[in-house]
Amino acid sequence: MDRAARFGRCADDARRALMAVDAGLADWVTEACAPLGAISRKRLFGGAALYCDGFAFAILAYDALWFKADAESDAVWDAIGAERFSVTREGGKVQSINYRRAPDDVYDDAEAMREWAGLAIAASRRAPVKRKKR
């Protein structure tokens, strides 16, 4: 099975996800969220993970921005109908992680970006710290 097919989405969407990150979107998030802390990014399976002061708060994948959520913030995301990030693995198993699709207004409104990113950063700070295996 090719890499694109593993994503379980149509082949065009999967190939797009495996391509380079939208640098303009990554730069916009970095610029808009700068007042919240030091924003950095790392490549992640053809997308990117975004960090604020070392806390992972968002991912860029499938030409979209996805913010970290948790049990405390899920109700807010549910209220706006924010889709949960998921992929379909080989064999048809659907795997989801608690990241939610960013609302459309974050793409052109810095204040909205900071509001939603702040919610995601708070969720990231509440998450238990994972210890590295030796």
N, C-alpha and C. Protein backbone atom coordinates (compact mmCIF):
# COMPACT_ATOMS: atom_id res chain seq x y z
N MET A 1 0.85 -1.18 0.00
CA MET A 1 0.00 0.00 0.00
C MET A 1 0.89 1.25 0.00
N ASP A 2 0.60 2.21 -0.87
CA ASP A 2 1.42 3.41 -0.91
C ASP A 2 1.12 4.32 0.28
N ARG A 3 2.03 5.26 0.52
CA ARG A 3 1.90 6.14 1.69
C ARG A 3 0.61 6.95 1.64
N ALA A 4 0.22 7.41 0.47
CA ALA A 4 -0.98 8.23 0.36
C ALA A 4 -2.23 7.46 0.76
N ALA A 5 -2.29 6.19 0.39
CA ALA A 5 -3.47 5.39 0.69
C ALA A 5 -3.65 5.14 2.18
N ARG A 6 -2.56 5.18 2.92
CA ARG A 6 -2.65 4.94 4.36
C ARG A 6 -3.51 5.96 5.09
N PHE A 7 -3.63 7.15 4.53
CA PHE A 7 -4.38 8.19 5.21
C PHE A 7 -5.88 7.94 5.19
N GLY A 8 -6.36 7.09 4.30
CA GLY A 8 -7.77 6.76 4.28
C GLY A 8 -8.65 7.83 3.68
N ARG A 9 -8.10 8.90 3.26
CA ARG A 9 -8.85 9.94 2.57
C ARG A 9 -8.63 9.72 1.09
N CYS A 10 -9.28 10.49 0.28
CA CYS A 10 -9.06 10.29 -1.16
C CYS A 10 -7.59 10.52 -1.48
N ALA A 11 -7.12 9.91 -2.51
CA ALA A 11 -5.69 9.94 -2.84
C ALA A 11 -5.17 11.37 -3.00
N ASP A 12 -5.94 12.25 -3.60
CA ASP A 12 -5.47 13.63 -3.78
C ASP A 12 -5.27 14.32 -2.44
N ASP A 13 -6.21 14.16 -1.50
CA ASP A 13 -6.06 14.76 -0.18
C ASP A 13 -4.85 14.20 0.54
N ALA A 14 -4.66 12.90 0.45
CA ALA A 14 -3.53 12.26 1.12
C ALA A 14 -2.21 12.74 0.54
N ARG A 15 -2.13 12.83 -0.79
CA ARG A 15 -0.88 13.31 -1.40
C ARG A 15 -0.60 14.75 -0.99
N ARG A 16 -1.64 15.58 -0.94
CA ARG A 16 -1.46 16.96 -0.52
C ARG A 16 -0.94 17.01 0.91
N ALA A 17 -1.44 16.13 1.78
CA ALA A 17 -1.00 16.10 3.18
C ALA A 17 0.46 15.71 3.30
N LEU A 18 0.94 14.92 2.35
CA LEU A 18 2.33 14.49 2.40
C LEU A 18 3.28 15.52 1.81
N MET A 19 2.75 16.54 1.18
CA MET A 19 3.59 17.56 0.58
C MET A 19 4.04 18.56 1.65
N ALA A 20 4.79 19.54 1.23
CA ALA A 20 5.32 20.55 2.13
C ALA A 20 4.19 21.30 2.84
N VAL A 21 4.50 21.74 4.03
CA VAL A 21 3.57 22.52 4.83
C VAL A 21 3.31 23.86 4.15
N ASP A 22 2.11 24.38 4.26
CA ASP A 22 1.78 25.70 3.74
C ASP A 22 2.58 26.72 4.56
N ALA A 23 3.69 27.18 4.02
CA ALA A 23 4.57 28.10 4.74
C ALA A 23 3.86 29.40 5.09
N GLY A 24 2.98 29.86 4.20
CA GLY A 24 2.25 31.09 4.49
C GLY A 24 1.36 30.94 5.71
N LEU A 25 0.68 29.81 5.83
CA LEU A 25 -0.17 29.57 7.00
C LEU A 25 0.68 29.44 8.26
N ALA A 26 1.78 28.71 8.18
CA ALA A 26 2.67 28.55 9.33
C ALA A 26 3.21 29.91 9.78
N ASP A 27 3.60 30.74 8.82
CA ASP A 27 4.09 32.08 9.15
C ASP A 27 3.00 32.93 9.78
N TRP A 28 1.77 32.83 9.26
CA TRP A 28 0.65 33.60 9.81
C TRP A 28 0.37 33.20 11.26
N VAL A 29 0.35 31.91 11.54
CA VAL A 29 0.12 31.45 12.92
C VAL A 29 1.23 31.97 13.83
N THR A 30 2.47 31.88 13.37
CA THR A 30 3.61 32.35 14.16
C THR A 30 3.48 33.84 14.46
N GLU A 31 3.16 34.61 13.44
CA GLU A 31 3.03 36.06 13.60
C GLU A 31 1.85 36.43 14.51
N ALA A 32 0.70 35.84 14.26
CA ALA A 32 -0.50 36.18 15.03
C ALA A 32 -0.38 35.74 16.49
N CYS A 33 0.31 34.63 16.74
CA CYS A 33 0.41 34.10 18.10
C CYS A 33 1.63 34.57 18.86
N ALA A 34 2.49 35.36 18.24
CA ALA A 34 3.72 35.82 18.89
C ALA A 34 3.47 36.46 20.27
N PRO A 35 2.39 37.23 20.45
CA PRO A 35 2.16 37.80 21.78
C PRO A 35 1.89 36.75 22.88
N LEU A 36 1.59 35.52 22.48
CA LEU A 36 1.28 34.46 23.45
C LEU A 36 2.53 33.75 23.97
N GLY A 37 3.65 33.87 23.26
CA GLY A 37 4.88 33.20 23.66
C GLY A 37 5.75 32.92 22.45
N ALA A 38 6.84 32.18 22.68
CA ALA A 38 7.76 31.83 21.61
C ALA A 38 7.16 30.70 20.78
N ILE A 39 6.84 30.98 19.52
CA ILE A 39 6.20 30.01 18.64
C ILE A 39 7.29 29.35 17.78
N SER A 40 7.26 28.03 17.74
CA SER A 40 8.19 27.27 16.91
C SER A 40 7.43 26.15 16.22
N ARG A 41 8.08 25.53 15.23
CA ARG A 41 7.42 24.42 14.53
C ARG A 41 8.43 23.34 14.19
N LYS A 42 7.90 22.12 14.09
CA LYS A 42 8.70 20.95 13.72
C LYS A 42 7.91 20.17 12.69
N ARG A 43 8.62 19.58 11.74
CA ARG A 43 7.96 18.74 10.73
C ARG A 43 7.33 17.54 11.41
N LEU A 44 6.19 17.13 10.88
CA LEU A 44 5.44 16.03 11.48
C LEU A 44 4.68 15.30 10.39
N PHE A 45 5.16 14.14 9.95
CA PHE A 45 4.46 13.31 8.97
C PHE A 45 3.94 14.10 7.78
N GLY A 46 4.75 14.95 7.21
CA GLY A 46 4.34 15.72 6.05
C GLY A 46 3.59 16.98 6.41
N GLY A 47 3.30 17.17 7.67
CA GLY A 47 2.68 18.39 8.16
C GLY A 47 3.65 19.08 9.10
N ALA A 48 3.12 19.76 10.08
CA ALA A 48 3.97 20.41 11.08
C ALA A 48 3.25 20.47 12.41
N ALA A 49 4.02 20.39 13.46
CA ALA A 49 3.51 20.61 14.82
C ALA A 49 3.96 22.00 15.23
N LEU A 50 3.07 22.73 15.87
CA LEU A 50 3.37 24.08 16.33
C LEU A 50 3.44 24.08 17.86
N TYR A 51 4.42 24.82 18.37
CA TYR A 51 4.68 24.86 19.82
C TYR A 51 4.67 26.30 20.30
N CYS A 52 4.20 26.49 21.51
CA CYS A 52 4.28 27.78 22.18
C CYS A 52 5.04 27.54 23.47
N ASP A 53 6.20 28.15 23.59
CA ASP A 53 7.06 27.95 24.77
C ASP A 53 7.29 26.46 25.05
N GLY A 54 7.41 25.67 23.99
CA GLY A 54 7.69 24.25 24.12
C GLY A 54 6.47 23.35 24.27
N PHE A 55 5.28 23.91 24.33
CA PHE A 55 4.05 23.13 24.46
C PHE A 55 3.38 22.99 23.10
N ALA A 56 3.17 21.75 22.65
CA ALA A 56 2.51 21.50 21.36
C ALA A 56 1.05 21.94 21.47
N PHE A 57 0.64 22.87 20.59
CA PHE A 57 -0.72 23.37 20.66
C PHE A 57 -1.49 23.27 19.36
N ALA A 58 -0.82 22.97 18.26
CA ALA A 58 -1.51 22.91 16.97
C ALA A 58 -0.73 22.05 15.99
N ILE A 59 -1.44 21.58 14.98
CA ILE A 59 -0.80 20.90 13.87
C ILE A 59 -1.33 21.48 12.56
N LEU A 60 -0.48 21.44 11.56
CA LEU A 60 -0.87 21.83 10.20
C LEU A 60 -0.89 20.55 9.38
N ALA A 61 -2.06 20.19 8.88
CA ALA A 61 -2.21 18.98 8.07
C ALA A 61 -3.47 19.12 7.22
N TYR A 62 -3.47 18.46 6.06
CA TYR A 62 -4.62 18.49 5.15
C TYR A 62 -5.02 19.93 4.82
N ASP A 63 -4.03 20.79 4.63
CA ASP A 63 -4.27 22.19 4.28
C ASP A 63 -5.14 22.91 5.30
N ALA A 64 -5.02 22.52 6.56
CA ALA A 64 -5.83 23.14 7.62
C ALA A 64 -5.02 23.24 8.90
N LEU A 65 -5.51 24.07 9.80
CA LEU A 65 -4.94 24.24 11.12
C LEU A 65 -5.83 23.50 12.11
N TRP A 66 -5.21 22.73 12.98
CA TRP A 66 -5.91 21.94 13.99
C TRP A 66 -5.36 22.30 15.36
N PHE A 67 -6.24 22.68 16.29
CA PHE A 67 -5.83 23.08 17.63
C PHE A 67 -6.01 21.95 18.64
N LYS A 68 -5.10 21.87 19.60
CA LYS A 68 -5.17 20.87 20.66
C LYS A 68 -6.39 21.13 21.53
N ALA A 69 -7.06 20.07 21.92
CA ALA A 69 -8.22 20.15 22.82
C ALA A 69 -8.03 19.12 23.92
N ASP A 70 -8.85 19.20 24.94
CA ASP A 70 -8.84 18.21 26.01
C ASP A 70 -10.24 18.14 26.61
N ALA A 71 -10.41 17.32 27.62
CA ALA A 71 -11.74 17.13 28.21
C ALA A 71 -12.33 18.45 28.71
N GLU A 72 -11.47 19.32 29.20
CA GLU A 72 -11.94 20.61 29.72
C GLU A 72 -12.41 21.55 28.62
N SER A 73 -11.79 21.48 27.45
CA SER A 73 -12.15 22.41 26.37
C SER A 73 -13.05 21.79 25.31
N ASP A 74 -13.29 20.49 25.36
CA ASP A 74 -14.10 19.83 24.33
C ASP A 74 -15.47 20.45 24.14
N ALA A 75 -16.11 20.89 25.21
CA ALA A 75 -17.45 21.48 25.09
C ALA A 75 -17.43 22.74 24.23
N VAL A 76 -16.38 23.53 24.35
CA VAL A 76 -16.25 24.75 23.55
C VAL A 76 -16.12 24.38 22.07
N TRP A 77 -15.28 23.39 21.78
CA TRP A 77 -15.09 22.96 20.40
C TRP A 77 -16.36 22.32 19.85
N ASP A 78 -17.04 21.53 20.68
CA ASP A 78 -18.30 20.91 20.24
C ASP A 78 -19.35 21.96 19.92
N ALA A 79 -19.38 23.04 20.70
CA ALA A 79 -20.38 24.10 20.51
C ALA A 79 -20.27 24.76 19.14
N ILE A 80 -19.06 24.79 18.58
CA ILE A 80 -18.91 25.40 17.25
C ILE A 80 -18.86 24.34 16.15
N GLY A 81 -19.02 23.08 16.54
CA GLY A 81 -19.02 22.00 15.55
C GLY A 81 -17.66 21.70 14.96
N ALA A 82 -16.60 21.94 15.73
CA ALA A 82 -15.24 21.73 15.22
C ALA A 82 -14.94 20.24 15.07
N GLU A 83 -14.58 19.86 13.86
CA GLU A 83 -14.26 18.47 13.53
C GLU A 83 -13.02 18.01 14.30
N ARG A 84 -13.03 16.76 14.75
CA ARG A 84 -11.88 16.15 15.42
C ARG A 84 -10.94 15.58 14.36
N PHE A 85 -9.64 15.76 14.55
CA PHE A 85 -8.64 15.25 13.61
C PHE A 85 -8.63 13.73 13.67
N SER A 86 -8.69 13.10 12.50
CA SER A 86 -8.61 11.64 12.45
C SER A 86 -7.99 11.19 11.14
N VAL A 87 -7.41 10.01 11.17
CA VAL A 87 -6.87 9.37 9.99
C VAL A 87 -7.34 7.92 10.00
N THR A 88 -7.48 7.35 8.82
CA THR A 88 -7.83 5.94 8.70
C THR A 88 -6.56 5.18 8.35
N ARG A 89 -6.21 4.26 9.20
CA ARG A 89 -4.99 3.47 9.02
C ARG A 89 -5.24 2.27 8.13
N GLU A 90 -4.16 1.63 7.78
CA GLU A 90 -4.22 0.40 7.00
C GLU A 90 -5.16 -0.58 7.73
N GLY A 91 -6.02 -1.23 6.99
CA GLY A 91 -6.98 -2.15 7.59
C GLY A 91 -8.27 -1.47 8.00
N GLY A 92 -8.38 -0.16 7.74
CA GLY A 92 -9.62 0.55 8.01
C GLY A 92 -9.80 1.08 9.42
N LYS A 93 -8.81 0.91 10.28
CA LYS A 93 -8.93 1.40 11.65
C LYS A 93 -8.81 2.93 11.66
N VAL A 94 -9.79 3.60 12.28
CA VAL A 94 -9.78 5.05 12.38
C VAL A 94 -9.10 5.44 13.68
N GLN A 95 -8.13 6.31 13.56
CA GLN A 95 -7.41 6.81 14.73
C GLN A 95 -7.66 8.31 14.82
N SER A 96 -8.10 8.76 15.98
CA SER A 96 -8.28 10.20 16.14
C SER A 96 -7.46 10.68 17.33
N ILE A 97 -7.06 11.92 17.24
CA ILE A 97 -6.36 12.55 18.35
C ILE A 97 -7.14 13.81 18.69
N ASN A 98 -7.01 14.27 19.89
CA ASN A 98 -7.84 15.38 20.34
C ASN A 98 -7.28 16.73 19.88
N TYR A 99 -7.33 16.90 18.57
CA TYR A 99 -7.07 18.19 17.93
C TYR A 99 -8.31 18.52 17.15
N ARG A 100 -8.70 19.79 17.14
CA ARG A 100 -9.93 20.21 16.47
C ARG A 100 -9.61 21.19 15.36
N ARG A 101 -10.42 21.09 14.27
CA ARG A 101 -10.22 22.01 13.13
C ARG A 101 -10.49 23.44 13.59
N ALA A 102 -9.57 24.30 13.25
CA ALA A 102 -9.70 25.71 13.62
C ALA A 102 -10.88 26.35 12.90
N PRO A 103 -11.59 27.25 13.57
CA PRO A 103 -12.69 27.95 12.90
C PRO A 103 -12.14 28.85 11.78
N ASP A 104 -12.96 29.12 10.79
CA ASP A 104 -12.52 29.87 9.61
C ASP A 104 -11.99 31.27 9.94
N ASP A 105 -12.50 31.91 10.98
CA ASP A 105 -12.08 33.29 11.25
C ASP A 105 -10.61 33.41 11.66
N VAL A 106 -9.96 32.33 12.09
CA VAL A 106 -8.55 32.43 12.50
C VAL A 106 -7.63 32.68 11.32
N TYR A 107 -8.09 32.39 10.11
CA TYR A 107 -7.24 32.53 8.94
C TYR A 107 -7.04 33.99 8.50
N ASP A 108 -7.87 34.91 9.01
CA ASP A 108 -7.70 36.31 8.63
C ASP A 108 -7.93 37.29 9.78
N ASP A 109 -8.02 36.79 11.00
CA ASP A 109 -8.27 37.65 12.16
C ASP A 109 -7.30 37.26 13.27
N ALA A 110 -6.30 38.11 13.50
CA ALA A 110 -5.26 37.80 14.49
C ALA A 110 -5.82 37.64 15.89
N GLU A 111 -6.81 38.45 16.23
CA GLU A 111 -7.42 38.35 17.56
C GLU A 111 -8.12 37.00 17.74
N ALA A 112 -8.85 36.56 16.73
CA ALA A 112 -9.51 35.25 16.78
C ALA A 112 -8.45 34.14 16.86
N MET A 113 -7.37 34.28 16.10
CA MET A 113 -6.29 33.30 16.15
C MET A 113 -5.76 33.17 17.56
N ARG A 114 -5.49 34.30 18.21
CA ARG A 114 -4.95 34.26 19.57
C ARG A 114 -5.95 33.68 20.57
N GLU A 115 -7.23 33.98 20.38
CA GLU A 115 -8.26 33.46 21.27
C GLU A 115 -8.30 31.93 21.22
N TRP A 116 -8.38 31.37 20.00
CA TRP A 116 -8.47 29.92 19.85
C TRP A 116 -7.15 29.25 20.17
N ALA A 117 -6.04 29.86 19.78
CA ALA A 117 -4.73 29.31 20.12
C ALA A 117 -4.53 29.30 21.63
N GLY A 118 -5.01 30.34 22.31
CA GLY A 118 -4.90 30.39 23.77
C GLY A 118 -5.62 29.23 24.42
N LEU A 119 -6.79 28.87 23.89
CA LEU A 119 -7.54 27.72 24.40
C LEU A 119 -6.72 26.44 24.20
N ALA A 120 -6.08 26.32 23.03
CA ALA A 120 -5.27 25.13 22.73
C ALA A 120 -4.01 25.08 23.58
N ILE A 121 -3.38 26.21 23.79
CA ILE A 121 -2.17 26.27 24.62
C ILE A 121 -2.51 25.87 26.05
N ALA A 122 -3.65 26.33 26.55
CA ALA A 122 -4.08 25.95 27.90
C ALA A 122 -4.28 24.44 27.99
N ALA A 123 -4.88 23.85 26.96
CA ALA A 123 -5.08 22.39 26.95
C ALA A 123 -3.73 21.68 26.94
N SER A 124 -2.79 22.19 26.19
CA SER A 124 -1.46 21.58 26.13
C SER A 124 -0.76 21.66 27.48
N ARG A 125 -0.89 22.78 28.15
CA ARG A 125 -0.25 22.94 29.47
C ARG A 125 -0.87 22.02 30.52
N ARG A 126 -2.15 21.67 30.35
CA ARG A 126 -2.81 20.77 31.30
C ARG A 126 -2.45 19.30 31.07
N ALA A 127 -1.95 19.00 29.88
CA ALA A 127 -1.66 17.60 29.53
C ALA A 127 -0.51 17.08 30.38
N PRO A 128 -0.60 15.79 30.76
CA PRO A 128 0.52 15.21 31.52
C PRO A 128 1.80 15.20 30.69
N VAL A 129 2.90 15.44 31.35
CA VAL A 129 4.20 15.44 30.67
C VAL A 129 4.60 14.00 30.37
N LYS A 130 4.95 13.77 29.11
CA LYS A 130 5.40 12.43 28.70
C LYS A 130 6.91 12.35 28.92
N ARG A 131 7.32 11.30 29.61
CA ARG A 131 8.75 11.10 29.85
C ARG A 131 9.36 10.34 28.67
N LYS A 132 10.57 10.72 28.32
CA LYS A 132 11.27 10.05 27.23
C LYS A 132 11.76 8.70 27.70
N LYS A 133 11.66 7.70 26.81
CA LYS A 133 12.17 6.36 27.11
C LYS A 133 13.68 6.37 26.93
N ARG A 134 14.35 5.60 27.76
CA ARG A 134 15.81 5.51 27.64
C ARG A 134 16.22 4.44 26.71
